[in-house]
PDB file of N, CA and C in Angstrom:
ATOM      1  N   MET A   1       1.431  -5.412 -26.812  1.00  0.00           N
ATOM      2  CA  MET A   1       0.303  -4.125 -25.790  1.00  0.00           C
ATOM      3  C   MET A   1       0.454  -5.164 -24.394  1.00  0.00           C
ATOM      4  N   ASP A   2       1.320  -4.367 -23.669  1.00  0.00           N
ATOM      5  CA  ASP A   2       0.863  -4.961 -22.529  1.00  0.00           C
ATOM      6  C   ASP A   2      -0.732  -5.081 -21.758  1.00  0.00           C
ATOM      7  N   ARG A   3      -1.020  -5.865 -21.139  1.00  0.00           N
ATOM      8  CA  ARG A   3      -2.504  -6.337 -20.582  1.00  0.00           C
ATOM      9  C   ARG A   3      -2.687  -5.667 -19.031  1.00  0.00           C
ATOM     10  N   LEU A   4      -3.773  -4.432 -18.759  1.00  0.00           N
ATOM     11  CA  LEU A   4      -4.048  -4.221 -17.800  1.00  0.00           C
ATOM     12  C   LEU A   4      -4.910  -5.104 -16.929  1.00  0.00           C
ATOM     13  N   ILE A   5      -4.234  -5.449 -15.511  1.00  0.00           N
ATOM     14  CA  ILE A   5      -5.477  -6.083 -14.668  1.00  0.00           C
ATOM     15  C   ILE A   5      -5.821  -5.347 -13.593  1.00  0.00           C
ATOM     16  N   LYS A   6      -7.586  -5.337 -12.788  1.00  0.00           N
ATOM     17  CA  LYS A   6      -8.107  -4.982 -12.134  1.00  0.00           C
ATOM     18  C   LYS A   6      -7.603  -5.570 -10.615  1.00  0.00           C
ATOM     19  N   LYS A   7      -8.077  -4.564  -9.776  1.00  0.00           N
ATOM     20  CA  LYS A   7      -7.921  -4.666  -8.611  1.00  0.00           C
ATOM     21  C   LYS A   7      -8.039  -6.416  -7.909  1.00  0.00           C
ATOM     22  N   ALA A   8      -8.722  -6.818  -8.260  1.00  0.00           N
ATOM     23  CA  ALA A   8      -9.311  -8.059  -7.921  1.00  0.00           C
ATOM     24  C   ALA A   8      -8.035  -9.351  -8.359  1.00  0.00           C
ATOM     25  N   GLU A   9      -7.559  -8.960  -9.693  1.00  0.00           N
ATOM     26  CA  GLU A   9      -6.868 -10.147  -9.834  1.00  0.00           C
ATOM     27  C   GLU A   9      -5.442  -9.813  -9.643  1.00  0.00           C
ATOM     28  N   LEU A  10      -5.389  -8.250  -9.144  1.00  0.00           N
ATOM     29  CA  LEU A  10      -3.804  -7.915  -8.784  1.00  0.00           C
ATOM     30  C   LEU A  10      -3.937  -8.531  -7.291  1.00  0.00           C
ATOM     31  N   LEU A  11      -5.181  -8.349  -6.252  1.00  0.00           N
ATOM     32  CA  LEU A  11      -4.951  -9.505  -5.202  1.00  0.00           C
ATOM     33  C   LEU A  11      -4.940 -10.685  -5.093  1.00  0.00           C
ATOM     34  N   GLU A  12      -5.480 -11.462  -5.642  1.00  0.00           N
ATOM     35  CA  GLU A  12      -5.174 -12.787  -6.348  1.00  0.00           C
ATOM     36  C   GLU A  12      -3.740 -12.911  -6.353  1.00  0.00           C
ATOM     37  N   LEU A  13      -3.126 -12.471  -7.730  1.00  0.00           N
ATOM     38  CA  LEU A  13      -1.976 -12.253  -8.098  1.00  0.00           C
ATOM     39  C   LEU A  13      -0.446 -12.203  -7.208  1.00  0.00           C
ATOM     40  N   VAL A  14      -0.687 -11.601  -6.265  1.00  0.00           N
ATOM     41  CA  VAL A  14       0.526 -10.523  -5.072  1.00  0.00           C
ATOM     42  C   VAL A  14       0.240 -11.428  -3.671  1.00  0.00           C
ATOM     43  N   SER A  15      -1.415 -12.129  -3.840  1.00  0.00           N
ATOM     44  CA  SER A  15      -1.901 -12.692  -2.513  1.00  0.00           C
ATOM     45  C   SER A  15      -1.469 -11.471  -1.257  1.00  0.00           C
ATOM     46  N   ALA A  16      -1.835 -10.455  -1.370  1.00  0.00           N
ATOM     47  CA  ALA A  16      -1.991  -9.273  -0.063  1.00  0.00           C
ATOM     48  C   ALA A  16      -2.690  -8.621  -0.216  1.00  0.00           C
ATOM     49  N   SER A  17      -3.651  -7.964   0.914  1.00  0.00           N
ATOM     50  CA  SER A  17      -4.588  -6.848   0.984  1.00  0.00           C
ATOM     51  C   SER A  17      -3.997  -5.461   0.407  1.00  0.00           C
ATOM     52  N   TYR A  18      -5.410  -5.194  -0.200  1.00  0.00           N
ATOM     53  CA  TYR A  18      -5.039  -3.668  -0.692  1.00  0.00           C
ATOM     54  C   TYR A  18      -4.558  -2.932   0.144  1.00  0.00           C
ATOM     55  N   PRO A  19      -4.794  -2.981   1.413  1.00  0.00           N
ATOM     56  CA  PRO A  19      -4.073  -1.910   2.223  1.00  0.00           C
ATOM     57  C   PRO A  19      -2.674  -1.829   2.617  1.00  0.00           C
ATOM     58  N   THR A  20      -2.295  -3.143   2.297  1.00  0.00           N
ATOM     59  CA  THR A  20      -0.955  -3.680   2.355  1.00  0.00           C
ATOM     60  C   THR A  20      -0.059  -2.957   1.065  1.00  0.00           C
ATOM     61  N   ILE A  21      -0.917  -3.531  -0.255  1.00  0.00           N
ATOM     62  CA  ILE A  21       0.047  -3.113  -1.411  1.00  0.00           C
ATOM     63  C   ILE A  21      -0.060  -1.629  -1.554  1.00  0.00           C
ATOM     64  N   TRP A  22      -1.320  -1.012  -0.918  1.00  0.00           N
ATOM     65  CA  TRP A  22      -1.499   0.745  -0.870  1.00  0.00           C
ATOM     66  C   TRP A  22      -0.281   1.265  -0.234  1.00  0.00           C
ATOM     67  N   ARG A  23       0.043   0.617   1.031  1.00  0.00           N
ATOM     68  CA  ARG A  23       1.284   0.892   1.793  1.00  0.00           C
ATOM     69  C   ARG A  23       2.872   0.968   0.794  1.00  0.00           C
ATOM     70  N   TRP A  24       2.908  -0.266   0.324  1.00  0.00           N
ATOM     71  CA  TRP A  24       3.766  -0.478  -0.933  1.00  0.00           C
ATOM     72  C   TRP A  24       3.895   0.619  -1.494  1.00  0.00           C
ATOM     73  N   MET A  25       3.252   0.693  -2.336  1.00  0.00           N
ATOM     74  CA  MET A  25       2.871   2.092  -3.381  1.00  0.00           C
ATOM     75  C   MET A  25       3.399   2.939  -3.169  1.00  0.00           C
ATOM     76  N   ARG A  26       2.826   3.595  -1.543  1.00  0.00           N
ATOM     77  CA  ARG A  26       3.034   4.677  -1.207  1.00  0.00           C
ATOM     78  C   ARG A  26       4.807   4.963  -0.974  1.00  0.00           C
ATOM     79  N   ASP A  27       5.521   3.597  -0.029  1.00  0.00           N
ATOM     80  CA  ASP A  27       6.687   3.774  -0.394  1.00  0.00           C
ATOM     81  C   ASP A  27       7.411   3.570  -1.218  1.00  0.00           C
ATOM     82  N   GLY A  28       7.212   3.452  -2.372  1.00  0.00           N
ATOM     83  CA  GLY A  28       7.642   3.414  -3.564  1.00  0.00           C
ATOM     84  C   GLY A  28       7.988   2.027  -3.616  1.00  0.00           C
ATOM     85  N   ALA A  29       7.854   1.048  -3.091  1.00  0.00           N
ATOM     86  CA  ALA A  29       8.083  -0.596  -3.235  1.00  0.00           C
ATOM     87  C   ALA A  29       7.345  -1.325  -3.959  1.00  0.00           C
ATOM     88  N   PHE A  30       5.999  -0.719  -4.708  1.00  0.00           N
ATOM     89  CA  PHE A  30       5.012  -1.723  -5.733  1.00  0.00           C
ATOM     90  C   PHE A  30       5.192  -0.687  -6.734  1.00  0.00           C
ATOM     91  N   PRO A  31       4.774  -1.155  -8.107  1.00  0.00           N
ATOM     92  CA  PRO A  31       4.566  -0.826  -9.321  1.00  0.00           C
ATOM     93  C   PRO A  31       3.030   0.269  -8.911  1.00  0.00           C
ATOM     94  N   ARG A  32       3.216   1.722  -9.668  1.00  0.00           N
ATOM     95  CA  ARG A  32       1.836   2.345  -9.446  1.00  0.00           C
ATOM     96  C   ARG A  32       1.027   1.651 -10.558  1.00  0.00           C
ATOM     97  N   PRO A  33      -0.538   2.079 -10.279  1.00  0.00           N
ATOM     98  CA  PRO A  33      -1.470   1.660 -11.005  1.00  0.00           C
ATOM     99  C   PRO A  33      -1.577   2.685 -12.196  1.00  0.00           C
ATOM    100  N   VAL A  34      -2.299   2.480 -13.467  1.00  0.00           N
ATOM    101  CA  VAL A  34      -2.569   3.504 -14.519  1.00  0.00           C
ATOM    102  C   VAL A  34      -4.116   3.795 -14.344  1.00  0.00           C
ATOM    103  N   ILE A  35      -4.233   5.158 -14.451  1.00  0.00           N
ATOM    104  CA  ILE A  35      -5.391   5.538 -13.914  1.00  0.00           C
ATOM    105  C   ILE A  35      -6.163   5.476 -15.308  1.00  0.00           C
ATOM    106  N   LEU A  36      -7.567   4.946 -15.055  1.00  0.00           N
ATOM    107  CA  LEU A  36      -8.205   4.746 -16.267  1.00  0.00           C
ATOM    108  C   LEU A  36      -9.559   6.079 -16.533  1.00  0.00           C
ATOM    109  N   GLY A  37      -9.883   6.422 -15.556  1.00  0.00           N
ATOM    110  CA  GLY A  37     -11.151   7.297 -14.923  1.00  0.00           C
ATOM    111  C   GLY A  37     -10.745   7.887 -13.788  1.00  0.00           C
ATOM    112  N   PRO A  38     -12.033   8.678 -13.289  1.00  0.00           N
ATOM    113  CA  PRO A  38     -11.944   9.116 -12.398  1.00  0.00           C
ATOM    114  C   PRO A  38     -11.808   8.151 -10.903  1.00  0.00           C
ATOM    115  N   ASN A  39     -12.525   6.860 -11.128  1.00  0.00           N
ATOM    116  CA  ASN A  39     -12.848   6.144 -10.284  1.00  0.00           C
ATOM    117  C   ASN A  39     -12.308   4.693 -10.639  1.00  0.00           C
ATOM    118  N   ARG A  40     -11.329   4.430 -11.667  1.00  0.00           N
ATOM    119  CA  ARG A  40     -10.843   3.233 -12.288  1.00  0.00           C
ATOM    120  C   ARG A  40      -9.416   3.385 -12.308  1.00  0.00           C
ATOM    121  N   VAL A  41      -8.516   2.534 -11.701  1.00  0.00           N
ATOM    122  CA  VAL A  41      -7.264   2.073 -12.060  1.00  0.00           C
ATOM    123  C   VAL A  41      -7.229   0.510 -12.170  1.00  0.00           C
ATOM    124  N   ALA A  42      -6.200   0.265 -13.088  1.00  0.00           N
ATOM    125  CA  ALA A  42      -5.419  -1.096 -13.058  1.00  0.00           C
ATOM    126  C   ALA A  42      -3.804  -1.251 -13.054  1.00  0.00           C
ATOM    127  N   TRP A  43      -3.411  -2.223 -13.276  1.00  0.00           N
ATOM    128  CA  TRP A  43      -1.783  -2.355 -13.274  1.00  0.00           C
ATOM    129  C   TRP A  43      -1.637  -3.016 -14.182  1.00  0.00           C
ATOM    130  N   ARG A  44      -0.038  -2.401 -14.809  1.00  0.00           N
ATOM    131  CA  ARG A  44       0.281  -3.243 -15.797  1.00  0.00           C
ATOM    132  C   ARG A  44       0.632  -4.491 -15.273  1.00  0.00           C
ATOM    133  N   GLU A  45       0.154  -5.620 -16.113  1.00  0.00           N
ATOM    134  CA  GLU A  45       0.733  -6.762 -15.568  1.00  0.00           C
ATOM    135  C   GLU A  45       2.302  -7.313 -15.667  1.00  0.00           C
ATOM    136  N   SER A  46       2.908  -6.854 -16.927  1.00  0.00           N
ATOM    137  CA  SER A  46       4.146  -6.838 -16.533  1.00  0.00           C
ATOM    138  C   SER A  46       4.968  -6.349 -15.651  1.00  0.00           C
ATOM    139  N   GLU A  47       4.715  -5.068 -15.195  1.00  0.00           N
ATOM    140  CA  GLU A  47       5.227  -4.719 -13.798  1.00  0.00           C
ATOM    141  C   GLU A  47       5.073  -5.223 -12.800  1.00  0.00           C
ATOM    142  N   VAL A  48       3.722  -5.992 -12.480  1.00  0.00           N
ATOM    143  CA  VAL A  48       3.400  -6.772 -11.169  1.00  0.00           C
ATOM    144  C   VAL A  48       4.017  -8.025 -11.205  1.00  0.00           C
ATOM    145  N   ARG A  49       4.363  -8.727 -12.721  1.00  0.00           N
ATOM    146  CA  ARG A  49       5.217  -9.676 -12.405  1.00  0.00           C
ATOM    147  C   ARG A  49       6.476  -9.576 -12.429  1.00  0.00           C
ATOM    148  N   GLU A  50       7.150  -8.761 -12.782  1.00  0.00           N
ATOM    149  CA  GLU A  50       8.714  -8.311 -12.722  1.00  0.00           C
ATOM    150  C   GLU A  50       8.538  -8.248 -11.008  1.00  0.00           C
ATOM    151  N   TRP A  51       8.149  -7.557 -10.559  1.00  0.00           N
ATOM    152  CA  TRP A  51       8.263  -7.037  -9.030  1.00  0.00           C
ATOM    153  C   TRP A  51       7.884  -8.425  -8.406  1.00  0.00           C
ATOM    154  N   LEU A  52       7.326  -9.529  -8.914  1.00  0.00           N
ATOM    155  CA  LEU A  52       7.111 -10.811  -8.205  1.00  0.00           C
ATOM    156  C   LEU A  52       8.403 -11.743  -8.487  1.00  0.00           C
ATOM    157  N   GLU A  53       8.796 -11.249  -9.491  1.00  0.00           N
ATOM    158  CA  GLU A  53       9.822 -12.282 -10.185  1.00  0.00           C
ATOM    159  C   GLU A  53      11.144 -11.848  -9.392  1.00  0.00           C
ATOM    160  N   GLY A  54      11.326 -10.309  -8.726  1.00  0.00           N
ATOM    161  CA  GLY A  54      12.084  -9.515  -7.741  1.00  0.00           C
ATOM    162  C   GLY A  54      12.283 -10.327  -6.757  1.00  0.00           C
ATOM    163  N   LEU A  55      10.835 -10.566  -5.887  1.00  0.00           N
ATOM    164  CA  LEU A  55      11.236 -10.807  -4.790  1.00  0.00           C
ATOM    165  C   LEU A  55      11.830 -12.357  -4.397  1.00  0.00           C
ATOM    166  N   ALA A  56      11.145 -13.268  -6.068  1.00  0.00           N
ATOM    167  CA  ALA A  56      11.810 -14.638  -5.725  1.00  0.00           C
ATOM    168  C   ALA A  56      13.431 -14.675  -5.922  1.00  0.00           C
ATOM    169  N   ARG A  57      14.101 -13.498  -6.858  1.00  0.00           N
ATOM    170  CA  ARG A  57      15.380 -13.901  -6.987  1.00  0.00           C
ATOM    171  C   ARG A  57      15.764 -13.242  -5.503  1.00  0.00           C
ATOM    172  N   GLY A  58      15.029 -12.812  -4.833  1.00  0.00           N
ATOM    173  CA  GLY A  58      15.684 -12.368  -3.221  1.00  0.00           C
ATOM    174  C   GLY A  58      15.876 -10.911  -3.522  1.00  0.00           C
ATOM    175  N   GLY A  59      15.687 -10.162  -4.432  1.00  0.00           N
ATOM    176  CA  GLY A  59      15.393  -8.545  -4.773  1.00  0.00           C
ATOM    177  C   GLY A  59      14.737  -7.983  -3.346  1.00  0.00           C
ATOM    178  N   PRO A  60      14.536  -6.735  -3.294  1.00  0.00           N
ATOM    179  CA  PRO A  60      14.209  -5.786  -2.378  1.00  0.00           C
ATOM    180  C   PRO A  60      12.899  -6.218  -2.162  1.00  0.00           C
ATOM    181  N   LYS A  61      12.801  -6.658  -0.317  1.00  0.00           N
ATOM    182  CA  LYS A  61      11.437  -6.539   0.175  1.00  0.00           C
ATOM    183  C   LYS A  61      10.906  -5.448   0.151  1.00  0.00           C
ATOM    184  N   PRO A  62       9.535  -5.442   0.296  1.00  0.00           N
ATOM    185  CA  PRO A  62       8.775  -4.389   0.733  1.00  0.00           C
ATOM    186  C   PRO A  62       8.919  -4.364   2.117  1.00  0.00           C
ATOM    187  N   ARG A  63       9.256  -3.038   2.183  1.00  0.00           N
ATOM    188  CA  ARG A  63       9.257  -2.736   4.033  1.00  0.00           C
ATOM    189  C   ARG A  63       8.289  -2.814   4.705  1.00  0.00           C
ATOM    190  N   LYS A  64       8.313  -3.284   5.988  1.00  0.00           N
ATOM    191  CA  LYS A  64       6.776  -2.848   6.846  1.00  0.00           C
ATOM    192  C   LYS A  64       6.744  -1.743   6.775  1.00  0.00           C
ATOM    193  N   ALA A  65       5.254  -1.375   7.334  1.00  0.00           N
ATOM    194  CA  ALA A  65       5.134  -0.055   7.798  1.00  0.00           C
ATOM    195  C   ALA A  65       5.694   0.379   8.680  1.00  0.00           C
ATOM    196  N   ARG A  66       5.605   1.542   9.010  1.00  0.00           N
ATOM    197  CA  ARG A  66       6.691   2.311  10.245  1.00  0.00           C
ATOM    198  C   ARG A  66       5.142   2.371  11.149  1.00  0.00           C
ATOM    199  N   SER A  67       5.505   2.400  12.284  1.00  0.00           N
ATOM    200  CA  SER A  67       4.592   2.395  13.202  1.00  0.00           C
ATOM    201  C   SER A  67       4.611   3.855  13.400  1.00  0.00           C
ATOM    202  N   ARG A  68       3.167   4.337  13.524  1.00  0.00           N
ATOM    203  CA  ARG A  68       2.881   5.660  13.910  1.00  0.00           C
ATOM    204  C   ARG A  68       3.072   6.561  14.868  1.00  0.00           C
ATOM    205  N   PRO A  69       3.274   7.601  15.113  1.00  0.00           N
ATOM    206  CA  PRO A  69       3.519   8.576  16.238  1.00  0.00           C
ATOM    207  C   PRO A  69       2.194   8.290  16.962  1.00  0.00           C
ATOM    208  N   ARG A  70       2.269   8.698  17.904  1.00  0.00           N
ATOM    209  CA  ARG A  70       1.429   8.401  19.261  1.00  0.00           C
ATOM    210  C   ARG A  70       0.793   9.990  18.820  1.00  0.00           C
ATOM    211  N   LEU A  71      -0.744  10.148  18.826  1.00  0.00           N
ATOM    212  CA  LEU A  71      -1.038  11.312  19.260  1.00  0.00           C
ATOM    213  C   LEU A  71      -0.682  12.288  20.483  1.00  0.00           C
ATOM    214  N   ARG A  72      -0.434  13.458  20.390  1.00  0.00           N
ATOM    215  CA  ARG A  72      -0.087  14.003  21.710  1.00  0.00           C
ATOM    216  C   ARG A  72      -1.048  14.915  21.642  1.00  0.00           C
ATOM    217  N   LEU A  73      -2.293  14.720  22.833  1.00  0.00           N
ATOM    218  CA  LEU A  73      -3.238  15.645  23.303  1.00  0.00           C
ATOM    219  C   LEU A  73      -2.876  16.799  24.285  1.00  0.00           C
ATOM    220  N   ARG A  74      -3.666  17.948  23.732  1.00  0.00           N
ATOM    221  CA  ARG A  74      -3.195  18.911  24.500  1.00  0.00           C
ATOM    222  C   ARG A  74      -4.080  19.665  25.364  1.00  0.00           C
ATOM    223  N   GLY A  75      -4.096  20.431  25.934  1.00  0.00           N
ATOM    224  CA  GLY A  75      -5.034  21.374  26.595  1.00  0.00           C
ATOM    225  C   GLY A  75      -6.225  20.673  27.095  1.00  0.00           C
ATOM    226  N   ALA A  76      -7.438  21.118  26.985  1.00  0.00           N
ATOM    227  CA  ALA A  76      -8.780  20.245  27.688  1.00  0.00           C
ATOM    228  C   ALA A  76      -8.694  18.791  26.784  1.00  0.00           C
ATOM    229  N   ALA A  77      -8.379  18.454  25.906  1.00  0.00           N
ATOM    230  CA  ALA A  77      -8.486  17.069  25.769  1.00  0.00           C
ATOM    231  C   ALA A  77      -7.311  16.023  26.191  1.00  0.00           C
ATOM    232  N   ALA A  78      -6.086  16.794  26.708  1.00  0.00           N
ATOM    233  CA  ALA A  78      -5.447  15.955  27.329  1.00  0.00           C
ATOM    234  C   ALA A  78      -5.808  15.896  29.106  1.00  0.00           C
ATOM    235  N   LYS A  79      -6.396  16.780  29.410  1.00  0.00           N
ATOM    236  CA  LYS A  79      -7.105  16.608  30.426  1.00  0.00           C
ATOM    237  C   LYS A  79      -7.936  15.824  30.647  1.00  0.00           C
ATOM    238  N   SER A  80      -8.933  15.504  29.825  1.00  0.00           N
ATOM    239  CA  SER A  80      -9.981  14.931  29.872  1.00  0.00           C
ATOM    240  C   SER A  80      -9.461  13.406  29.668  1.00  0.00           C
ATOM    241  N   ALA A  81      -8.536  13.285  28.669  1.00  0.00           N
ATOM    242  CA  ALA A  81      -8.191  11.676  28.932  1.00  0.00           C
ATOM    243  C   ALA A  81      -7.430  11.717  29.748  1.00  0.00           C
ATOM    244  N   GLU A  82      -6.927  12.289  30.506  1.00  0.00           N
ATOM    245  CA  GLU A  82      -6.163  11.732  32.143  1.00  0.00           C
ATOM    246  C   GLU A  82      -7.123  11.693  33.071  1.00  0.00           C
ATOM    247  N   GLY A  83      -8.473  12.223  32.634  1.00  0.00           N
ATOM    248  CA  GLY A  83      -9.153  11.753  33.739  1.00  0.00           C
ATOM    249  C   GLY A  83      -9.451  12.878  35.025  1.00  0.00           C
ATOM    250  N   GLY A  84      -9.071  14.121  34.139  1.00  0.00           N
ATOM    251  CA  GLY A  84      -8.858  15.708  35.240  1.00  0.00           C
ATOM    252  C   GLY A  84     -10.348  16.080  34.596  1.00  0.00           C
ATOM    253  N   SER A  85     -10.733  16.984  35.208  1.00  0.00           N
ATOM    254  CA  SER A  85     -11.886  17.883  34.854  1.00  0.00           C
ATOM    255  C   SER A  85     -11.516  19.444  34.213  1.00  0.00           C
TER     256      SER A  85
END
């Protein structure tokens, strides 16, 4: 049976912050967790190790997060941001 690892062990194993890992998961570049309960998740150790080995072999690298589009203000909010009344 595959061992499940918690978030703290995952962060130590991968050496990345959780927001970075979350972005990789969102982009499909990192293994998804197993949902154990309403507020509890874990990752299959074998999948995480395979992912790390793929990086070591020069496999696909996680993509850098795309920059977010700038918020365009309209109406009164735009005028107040520009210093208008």
